Amino acid sequence: MQGDKIMELTENDITTILTRIDLLRKDSAMLSHRIDQDMMRRKSVQEEKKRLKGLLAQHAELSAKAGN
C-alpha cells in the first residue's frame, strides 16, 4: 500500500489491516492508561516534596526563634 495508489486488497490483506488497527488501538489505550498513572504518581511526588519543604521551613523558623 503505497502513497495515493489504489490497490486491490485481498481478504487476507483486509484481515491483516484490521488486526493491525486493533493492535494499535489497544496499544494506544494501554499508553493512555500508563500516562494517567504516571501523572498521578508525579502529583503524589510533588505533594510529598512540598510537604517536606514545609517541614524544613517550619524547622528553620523554630530554630531561628530558639536562637534568639
C-alpha atoms as a PDB file:
ATOM      1  CA  MET A   1       0.000   0.000   0.000  1.00  0.00           C
ATOM      2  CA  GLN A   2       1.925   2.980  -1.287  1.00  0.00           C
ATOM      3  CA  GLY A   3       1.010   6.641  -1.339  1.00  0.00           C
ATOM      4  CA  ASP A   4      -2.179   7.545  -3.145  1.00  0.00           C
ATOM      5  CA  LYS A   5      -2.244   4.479  -5.360  1.00  0.00           C
ATOM      6  CA  ILE A   6      -5.429   2.469  -5.111  1.00  0.00           C
ATOM      7  CA  MET A   7      -4.726  -1.181  -4.618  1.00  0.00           C
ATOM      8  CA  GLU A   8      -6.925  -4.173  -4.738  1.00  0.00           C
ATOM      9  CA  LEU A   9      -6.907  -5.825  -1.374  1.00  0.00           C
ATOM     10  CA  THR A  10      -7.351  -9.487  -0.836  1.00  0.00           C
ATOM     11  CA  GLU A  11      -9.415 -10.802   2.053  1.00  0.00           C
ATOM     12  CA  ASN A  12      -6.144 -11.646   3.785  1.00  0.00           C
ATOM     13  CA  ASP A  13      -4.881  -8.064   3.308  1.00  0.00           C
ATOM     14  CA  ILE A  14      -8.064  -6.682   4.835  1.00  0.00           C
ATOM     15  CA  THR A  15      -7.836  -9.053   7.789  1.00  0.00           C
ATOM     16  CA  THR A  16      -4.201  -8.087   8.331  1.00  0.00           C
ATOM     17  CA  ILE A  17      -5.045  -4.379   8.231  1.00  0.00           C
ATOM     18  CA  LEU A  18      -7.973  -4.770  10.632  1.00  0.00           C
ATOM     19  CA  THR A  19      -5.801  -6.769  13.018  1.00  0.00           C
ATOM     20  CA  ARG A  20      -3.093  -4.110  12.904  1.00  0.00           C
ATOM     21  CA  ILE A  21      -5.662  -1.361  13.565  1.00  0.00           C
ATOM     22  CA  ASP A  22      -6.968  -3.309  16.561  1.00  0.00           C
ATOM     23  CA  LEU A  23      -3.448  -3.788  17.947  1.00  0.00           C
ATOM     24  CA  LEU A  24      -2.700  -0.083  17.545  1.00  0.00           C
ATOM     25  CA  ARG A  25      -5.972   0.817  19.273  1.00  0.00           C
ATOM     26  CA  LYS A  26      -5.107  -1.466  22.212  1.00  0.00           C
ATOM     27  CA  ASP A  27      -1.568  -0.091  22.385  1.00  0.00           C
ATOM     28  CA  SER A  28      -2.922   3.450  22.432  1.00  0.00           C
ATOM     29  CA  ALA A  29      -5.347   2.625  25.255  1.00  0.00           C
ATOM     30  CA  MET A  30      -2.548   0.996  27.259  1.00  0.00           C
ATOM     31  CA  LEU A  31      -0.304   4.028  26.778  1.00  0.00           C
ATOM     32  CA  SER A  32      -3.115   6.385  27.809  1.00  0.00           C
ATOM     33  CA  HIS A  33      -3.623   4.369  30.992  1.00  0.00           C
ATOM     34  CA  ARG A  34       0.097   4.429  31.734  1.00  0.00           C
ATOM     35  CA  ILE A  35       0.239   8.192  31.181  1.00  0.00           C
ATOM     36  CA  ASP A  36      -2.642   8.627  33.645  1.00  0.00           C
ATOM     37  CA  GLN A  37      -0.815   6.502  36.226  1.00  0.00           C
ATOM     38  CA  ASP A  38       2.430   8.420  35.698  1.00  0.00           C
ATOM     39  CA  MET A  39       0.625  11.758  36.084  1.00  0.00           C
ATOM     40  CA  MET A  40      -0.955  10.603  39.359  1.00  0.00           C
ATOM     41  CA  ARG A  41       2.447   9.436  40.595  1.00  0.00           C
ATOM     42  CA  ARG A  42       4.013  12.764  39.619  1.00  0.00           C
ATOM     43  CA  LYS A  43       1.322  14.655  41.538  1.00  0.00           C
ATOM     44  CA  SER A  44       1.961  12.461  44.581  1.00  0.00           C
ATOM     45  CA  VAL A  45       5.712  13.075  44.380  1.00  0.00           C
ATOM     46  CA  GLN A  46       5.184  16.840  44.052  1.00  0.00           C
ATOM     47  CA  GLU A  47       2.863  16.868  47.075  1.00  0.00           C
ATOM     48  CA  GLU A  48       5.388  14.915  49.153  1.00  0.00           C
ATOM     49  CA  LYS A  49       8.180  17.296  48.106  1.00  0.00           C
ATOM     50  CA  LYS A  50       6.022  20.288  49.098  1.00  0.00           C
ATOM     51  CA  ARG A  51       5.219  18.677  52.464  1.00  0.00           C
ATOM     52  CA  LEU A  52       8.899  18.008  53.191  1.00  0.00           C
ATOM     53  CA  LYS A  53       9.892  21.544  52.219  1.00  0.00           C
ATOM     54  CA  GLY A  54       7.217  22.794  54.606  1.00  0.00           C
ATOM     55  CA  LEU A  55       8.713  20.705  57.403  1.00  0.00           C
ATOM     56  CA  LEU A  56      12.155  22.164  56.697  1.00  0.00           C
ATOM     57  CA  ALA A  57      10.795  25.706  56.686  1.00  0.00           C
ATOM     58  CA  GLN A  58       8.974  25.050  59.948  1.00  0.00           C
ATOM     59  CA  HIS A  59      12.152  23.638  61.494  1.00  0.00           C
ATOM     60  CA  ALA A  60      14.198  26.618  60.300  1.00  0.00           C
ATOM     61  CA  GLU A  61      11.637  29.010  61.773  1.00  0.00           C
ATOM     62  CA  LEU A  62      11.637  27.224  65.140  1.00  0.00           C
ATOM     63  CA  SER A  63      15.428  27.104  65.169  1.00  0.00           C
ATOM     64  CA  ALA A  64      15.613  30.832  64.432  1.00  0.00           C
ATOM     65  CA  LYS A  65      13.209  31.603  67.281  1.00  0.00           C
ATOM     66  CA  ALA A  66      15.099  29.359  69.692  1.00  0.00           C
ATOM     67  CA  GLY A  67      18.364  31.060  68.758  1.00  0.00           C
ATOM     68  CA  ASN A  68      17.022  34.497  69.572  1.00  0.00           C
END
